[in-house]
C-alpha atoms as a PDB file:
ATOM      1  CA  ALA A   1      52.187 221.315 182.444  1.00  0.00           C
ATOM      2  CA  THR A   2      53.719 225.357 181.902  1.00  0.00           C
ATOM      3  CA  GLY A   3      50.767 226.679 184.392  1.00  0.00           C
ATOM      4  CA  ASP A   4      50.638 229.591 181.667  1.00  0.00           C
ATOM      5  CA  THR A   5      46.843 231.038 181.226  1.00  0.00           C
ATOM      6  CA  LEU A   6      44.972 228.887 178.129  1.00  0.00           C
ATOM      7  CA  ARG A   7      42.042 231.020 178.100  1.00  0.00           C
ATOM      8  CA  THR A   8      40.677 234.607 179.569  1.00  0.00           C
ATOM      9  CA  ILE A   9      36.871 235.572 180.012  1.00  0.00           C
ATOM     10  CA  LYS A  10      36.422 238.483 180.324  1.00  0.00           C
ATOM     11  CA  SER A  11      32.254 238.990 180.714  1.00  0.00           C
ATOM     12  CA  TYR A  12      31.028 240.134 183.882  1.00  0.00           C
ATOM     13  CA  ARG A  13      31.377 243.827 185.559  1.00  0.00           C
ATOM     14  CA  GLU A  14      30.580 242.153 188.806  1.00  0.00           C
ATOM     15  CA  PRO A  15      31.849 239.281 191.115  1.00  0.00           C
ATOM     16  CA  ILE A  16      31.879 235.810 189.947  1.00  0.00           C
ATOM     17  CA  PHE A  17      29.831 232.785 192.203  1.00  0.00           C
ATOM     18  CA  ASP A  18      30.173 230.132 190.758  1.00  0.00           C
ATOM     19  CA  VAL A  19      31.314 228.021 187.448  1.00  0.00           C
ATOM     20  CA  ARG A  20      31.586 225.134 186.038  1.00  0.00           C
ATOM     21  CA  PHE A  21      32.068 222.865 183.142  1.00  0.00           C
ATOM     22  CA  ASN A  22      29.696 221.088 181.246  1.00  0.00           C
ATOM     23  CA  SER A  23      29.963 216.771 180.869  1.00  0.00           C
ATOM     24  CA  ASP A  24      33.122 216.964 178.314  1.00  0.00           C
ATOM     25  CA  GLU A  25      34.911 220.432 179.053  1.00  0.00           C
ATOM     26  CA  THR A  26      33.627 221.983 176.259  1.00  0.00           C
ATOM     27  CA  GLN A  27      31.786 224.650 177.544  1.00  0.00           C
ATOM     28  CA  ILE A  28      31.976 226.881 180.708  1.00  0.00           C
ATOM     29  CA  LEU A  29      28.926 227.497 182.795  1.00  0.00           C
ATOM     30  CA  SER A  30      29.264 230.606 185.272  1.00  0.00           C
ATOM     31  CA  SER A  31      26.863 233.298 187.383  1.00  0.00           C
ATOM     32  CA  SER A  32      27.670 236.507 188.840  1.00  0.00           C
ATOM     33  CA  TRP A  33      25.847 239.192 190.725  1.00  0.00           C
ATOM     34  CA  GLU A  34      24.407 240.287 187.421  1.00  0.00           C
ATOM     35  CA  LYS A  35      21.887 238.433 187.598  1.00  0.00           C
ATOM     36  CA  ASN A  36      22.581 236.269 184.822  1.00  0.00           C
ATOM     37  CA  ALA A  37      24.696 233.362 184.109  1.00  0.00           C
ATOM     38  CA  LYS A  38      26.467 232.328 181.162  1.00  0.00           C
ATOM     39  CA  ILE A  39      27.741 229.294 178.996  1.00  0.00           C
ATOM     40  CA  HIS A  40      30.832 230.418 176.791  1.00  0.00           C
ATOM     41  CA  ASP A  41      32.480 227.974 174.297  1.00  0.00           C
ATOM     42  CA  VAL A  42      36.112 227.080 175.874  1.00  0.00           C
ATOM     43  CA  ALA A  43      37.914 226.949 172.690  1.00  0.00           C
ATOM     44  CA  THR A  44      37.435 230.342 171.986  1.00  0.00           C
ATOM     45  CA  GLY A  45      35.888 232.197 174.583  1.00  0.00           C
ATOM     46  CA  LYS A  46      32.614 232.903 172.651  1.00  0.00           C
ATOM     47  CA  ARG A  47      29.578 233.391 174.736  1.00  0.00           C
ATOM     48  CA  LEU A  48      26.983 230.566 173.608  1.00  0.00           C
ATOM     49  CA  HIS A  49      24.071 231.424 176.183  1.00  0.00           C
ATOM     50  CA  LEU A  50      23.008 234.308 178.575  1.00  0.00           C
ATOM     51  CA  PHE A  51      20.161 233.264 181.353  1.00  0.00           C
ATOM     52  CA  GLU A  52      18.943 236.640 183.377  1.00  0.00           C
ATOM     53  CA  PHE A  53      17.308 236.150 186.189  1.00  0.00           C
ATOM     54  CA  GLU A  54      14.400 238.807 187.241  1.00  0.00           C
ATOM     55  CA  GLN A  55      14.237 237.816 190.717  1.00  0.00           C
ATOM     56  CA  GLY A  56      18.162 237.952 191.523  1.00  0.00           C
ATOM     57  CA  SER A  57      21.590 236.469 190.997  1.00  0.00           C
ATOM     58  CA  ALA A  58      22.624 232.812 190.270  1.00  0.00           C
ATOM     59  CA  TYR A  59      24.876 232.119 193.346  1.00  0.00           C
ATOM     60  CA  GLN A  60      25.302 228.432 192.265  1.00  0.00           C
ATOM     61  CA  VAL A  61      24.753 226.270 188.535  1.00  0.00           C
ATOM     62  CA  GLN A  62      25.409 223.123 187.701  1.00  0.00           C
ATOM     63  CA  PHE A  63      24.590 221.478 184.057  1.00  0.00           C
ATOM     64  CA  SER A  64      22.899 218.350 183.948  1.00  0.00           C
ATOM     65  CA  ARG A  65      24.815 215.225 183.258  1.00  0.00           C
ATOM     66  CA  ASN A  66      23.265 215.397 179.612  1.00  0.00           C
ATOM     67  CA  ASP A  67      24.535 219.063 179.379  1.00  0.00           C
ATOM     68  CA  LEU A  68      20.213 220.161 178.388  1.00  0.00           C
ATOM     69  CA  TYR A  69      19.571 221.289 181.094  1.00  0.00           C
ATOM     70  CA  LEU A  70      20.868 223.889 183.785  1.00  0.00           C
ATOM     71  CA  PHE A  71      20.343 223.789 187.810  1.00  0.00           C
ATOM     72  CA  THR A  72      20.669 227.227 189.594  1.00  0.00           C
ATOM     73  CA  ALA A  73      20.167 228.697 193.204  1.00  0.00           C
ATOM     74  CA  THR A  74      19.170 231.646 192.089  1.00  0.00           C
ATOM     75  CA  LEU A  75      18.889 234.553 195.096  1.00  0.00           C
ATOM     76  CA  LYS A  76      15.910 236.145 195.847  1.00  0.00           C
ATOM     77  CA  GLY A  77      15.035 240.129 194.503  1.00  0.00           C
ATOM     78  CA  ASP A  78      17.254 241.756 196.716  1.00  0.00           C
ATOM     79  CA  ASN A  79      19.816 239.001 196.643  1.00  0.00           C
ATOM     80  CA  THR A  80      20.213 237.594 200.436  1.00  0.00           C
ATOM     81  CA  GLU A  81      19.064 234.209 200.525  1.00  0.00           C
ATOM     82  CA  ALA A  82      19.713 231.786 197.821  1.00  0.00           C
ATOM     83  CA  ASN A  83      16.885 229.182 198.485  1.00  0.00           C
ATOM     84  CA  VAL A  84      14.930 229.478 194.290  1.00  0.00           C
ATOM     85  CA  LEU A  85      15.979 225.940 192.700  1.00  0.00           C
ATOM     86  CA  GLN A  86      15.758 226.285 189.246  1.00  0.00           C
ATOM     87  CA  MET A  87      15.287 223.595 186.204  1.00  0.00           C
ATOM     88  CA  ARG A  88      16.274 225.406 183.159  1.00  0.00           C
ATOM     89  CA  GLU A  89      15.820 223.935 179.708  1.00  0.00           C
ATOM     90  CA  ILE A  90      19.796 224.840 177.777  1.00  0.00           C
ATOM     91  CA  GLU A  91      17.850 225.654 174.707  1.00  0.00           C
ATOM     92  CA  THR A  92      14.659 227.323 175.333  1.00  0.00           C
ATOM     93  CA  GLN A  93      16.291 228.798 178.463  1.00  0.00           C
ATOM     94  CA  LYS A  94      12.349 227.917 180.423  1.00  0.00           C
ATOM     95  CA  ILE A  95      11.895 226.831 183.750  1.00  0.00           C
ATOM     96  CA  VAL A  96      11.099 223.009 183.979  1.00  0.00           C
ATOM     97  CA  ARG A  97      10.994 223.044 187.212  1.00  0.00           C
ATOM     98  CA  THR A  98      11.210 225.094 190.851  1.00  0.00           C
ATOM     99  CA  ILE A  99      12.350 223.247 193.455  1.00  0.00           C
ATOM    100  CA  GLU A 100      11.955 224.307 197.139  1.00  0.00           C
ATOM    101  CA  GLY A 101      12.677 223.545 200.565  1.00  0.00           C
ATOM    102  CA  HIS A 102      15.532 225.685 201.942  1.00  0.00           C
ATOM    103  CA  THR A 103      15.334 228.205 203.493  1.00  0.00           C
ATOM    104  CA  GLU A 104      18.854 229.234 203.948  1.00  0.00           C
ATOM    105  CA  THR A 105      21.005 229.945 200.657  1.00  0.00           C
ATOM    106  CA  ILE A 106      21.926 226.996 198.473  1.00  0.00           C
ATOM    107  CA  SER A 107      25.868 226.571 199.004  1.00  0.00           C
ATOM    108  CA  SER A 108      26.039 223.476 196.917  1.00  0.00           C
ATOM    109  CA  LEU A 109      25.045 221.727 194.262  1.00  0.00           C
ATOM    110  CA  GLN A 110      25.729 218.023 192.607  1.00  0.00           C
ATOM    111  CA  VAL A 111      23.963 216.295 190.062  1.00  0.00           C
ATOM    112  CA  SER A 112      24.673 211.947 190.373  1.00  0.00           C
ATOM    113  CA  GLN A 113      25.814 210.345 187.526  1.00  0.00           C
ATOM    114  CA  ASP A 114      22.705 209.271 186.571  1.00  0.00           C
ATOM    115  CA  GLY A 115      21.417 212.636 186.218  1.00  0.00           C
ATOM    116  CA  LYS A 116      18.338 211.266 188.442  1.00  0.00           C
ATOM    117  CA  LYS A 117      19.413 212.913 191.612  1.00  0.00           C
ATOM    118  CA  LEU A 118      20.660 216.138 192.794  1.00  0.00           C
ATOM    119  CA  LEU A 119      22.745 217.048 196.005  1.00  0.00           C
ATOM    120  CA  THR A 120      22.207 219.975 197.681  1.00  0.00           C
ATOM    121  CA  ALA A 121      24.378 221.978 201.474  1.00  0.00           C
ATOM    122  CA  SER A 122      22.582 224.691 202.443  1.00  0.00           C
ATOM    123  CA  TRP A 123      23.474 227.446 204.884  1.00  0.00           C
ATOM    124  CA  ASP A 124      20.278 226.517 206.608  1.00  0.00           C
ATOM    125  CA  GLY A 125      21.930 223.903 208.559  1.00  0.00           C
ATOM    126  CA  THR A 126      20.133 220.997 205.950  1.00  0.00           C
ATOM    127  CA  ILE A 127      21.437 218.628 202.665  1.00  0.00           C
ATOM    128  CA  ARG A 128      19.088 217.158 200.630  1.00  0.00           C
ATOM    129  CA  LEU A 129      18.809 214.585 197.977  1.00  0.00           C
ATOM    130  CA  TRP A 130      16.536 215.441 195.346  1.00  0.00           C
ATOM    131  CA  ASP A 131      14.640 213.615 192.640  1.00  0.00           C
ATOM    132  CA  VAL A 132      14.980 215.950 189.046  1.00  0.00           C
ATOM    133  CA  SER A 133      12.326 214.291 187.556  1.00  0.00           C
ATOM    134  CA  THR A 134       9.722 215.662 190.956  1.00  0.00           C
ATOM    135  CA  GLY A 135      11.400 218.172 192.228  1.00  0.00           C
ATOM    136  CA  LEU A 136      10.768 216.160 195.807  1.00  0.00           C
ATOM    137  CA  ALA A 137      13.370 215.995 198.581  1.00  0.00           C
ATOM    138  CA  ASP A 138      14.417 211.990 199.261  1.00  0.00           C
ATOM    139  CA  LYS A 139      16.578 212.272 201.916  1.00  0.00           C
ATOM    140  CA  LYS A 140      16.766 215.328 204.520  1.00  0.00           C
ATOM    141  CA  PHE A 141      20.043 215.139 206.059  1.00  0.00           C
ATOM    142  CA  ALA A 142      20.205 216.783 209.451  1.00  0.00           C
ATOM    143  CA  GLY A 143      23.616 216.920 211.820  1.00  0.00           C
ATOM    144  CA  HIS A 144      25.730 220.109 210.744  1.00  0.00           C
ATOM    145  CA  VAL A 145      25.152 223.403 213.401  1.00  0.00           C
ATOM    146  CA  GLY A 146      24.993 226.182 211.535  1.00  0.00           C
ATOM    147  CA  ALA A 147      25.669 226.762 207.876  1.00  0.00           C
ATOM    148  CA  VAL A 148      26.480 224.025 205.686  1.00  0.00           C
ATOM    149  CA  HIS A 149      28.968 224.725 203.160  1.00  0.00           C
ATOM    150  CA  THR A 150      29.435 221.825 200.448  1.00  0.00           C
ATOM    151  CA  ALA A 151      28.164 218.597 199.692  1.00  0.00           C
ATOM    152  CA  ILE A 152      29.397 215.786 197.506  1.00  0.00           C
ATOM    153  CA  PHE A 153      28.738 212.296 196.174  1.00  0.00           C
ATOM    154  CA  CYS A 154      31.455 209.229 196.892  1.00  0.00           C
ATOM    155  CA  ASN A 155      31.326 205.546 196.815  1.00  0.00           C
ATOM    156  CA  GLN A 156      28.712 204.968 193.844  1.00  0.00           C
ATOM    157  CA  GLU A 157      26.700 207.377 195.615  1.00  0.00           C
ATOM    158  CA  ARG A 158      26.499 205.409 198.349  1.00  0.00           C
ATOM    159  CA  ASN A 159      27.589 208.004 200.880  1.00  0.00           C
ATOM    160  CA  ILE A 160      28.591 211.812 200.864  1.00  0.00           C
ATOM    161  CA  PHE A 161      30.582 213.671 202.574  1.00  0.00           C
ATOM    162  CA  THR A 162      29.586 217.096 203.814  1.00  0.00           C
ATOM    163  CA  ALA A 163      31.654 220.334 205.531  1.00  0.00           C
ATOM    164  CA  GLY A 164      29.842 223.113 207.198  1.00  0.00           C
ATOM    165  CA  ALA A 165      30.174 226.394 209.893  1.00  0.00           C
ATOM    166  CA  ASP A 166      30.720 224.018 212.344  1.00  0.00           C
ATOM    167  CA  ARG A 167      34.353 222.904 211.291  1.00  0.00           C
ATOM    168  CA  VAL A 168      33.157 219.729 210.877  1.00  0.00           C
ATOM    169  CA  ILE A 169      33.053 217.588 208.106  1.00  0.00           C
ATOM    170  CA  ARG A 170      30.220 214.384 207.960  1.00  0.00           C
ATOM    171  CA  TYR A 171      30.556 211.463 206.351  1.00  0.00           C
ATOM    172  CA  TRP A 172      26.847 210.193 205.317  1.00  0.00           C
ATOM    173  CA  ASP A 173      25.182 206.767 204.508  1.00  0.00           C
ATOM    174  CA  VAL A 174      22.506 207.635 201.693  1.00  0.00           C
ATOM    175  CA  ALA A 175      20.166 204.678 202.031  1.00  0.00           C
ATOM    176  CA  THR A 176      19.589 205.685 206.156  1.00  0.00           C
ATOM    177  CA  GLY A 177      20.331 209.249 206.581  1.00  0.00           C
ATOM    178  CA  LYS A 178      22.778 208.593 209.092  1.00  0.00           C
ATOM    179  CA  VAL A 179      26.287 209.746 210.210  1.00  0.00           C
ATOM    180  CA  LEU A 180      28.299 207.325 209.613  1.00  0.00           C
ATOM    181  CA  LYS A 181      31.800 209.792 210.724  1.00  0.00           C
ATOM    182  CA  SER A 182      32.477 212.993 212.703  1.00  0.00           C
END
């Protein structure tokens, strides 16, 4: 490992919010202030897909586990709150599902290993576990004071870690929704 840059992709005029690999790390998904998200080929840097959002910029993006769908937490038209969560087919760009529940910006997205659940954290102080097939929240976790910045699965998705503006890392039991440690 030399630490050398292997590829530079210059595709945006505005700041980039998020970047994610697909499952085999051959494609990269990114989003920016420009009200769009793009998928590029990692080897060539060529843009493969452009997703444009009328309502606002995509603050957080994520591939589905099977790489057929794209999840976006999109800012409202005035670019203030990214609380609109959408699932889109990559090939057709069709919105398959709009998921609502957070009242402020969604700051973190993670798809479960089996692709059936979506974990989100929000500036509204909550963490939610969504059923991808229905768009309904299976669980709502609350305990942070203020914004939650990130949420990740661990222990075969039996637990999650969260961190927020309250400067606390919390360790949760998914089955019960209770904090195990903080």
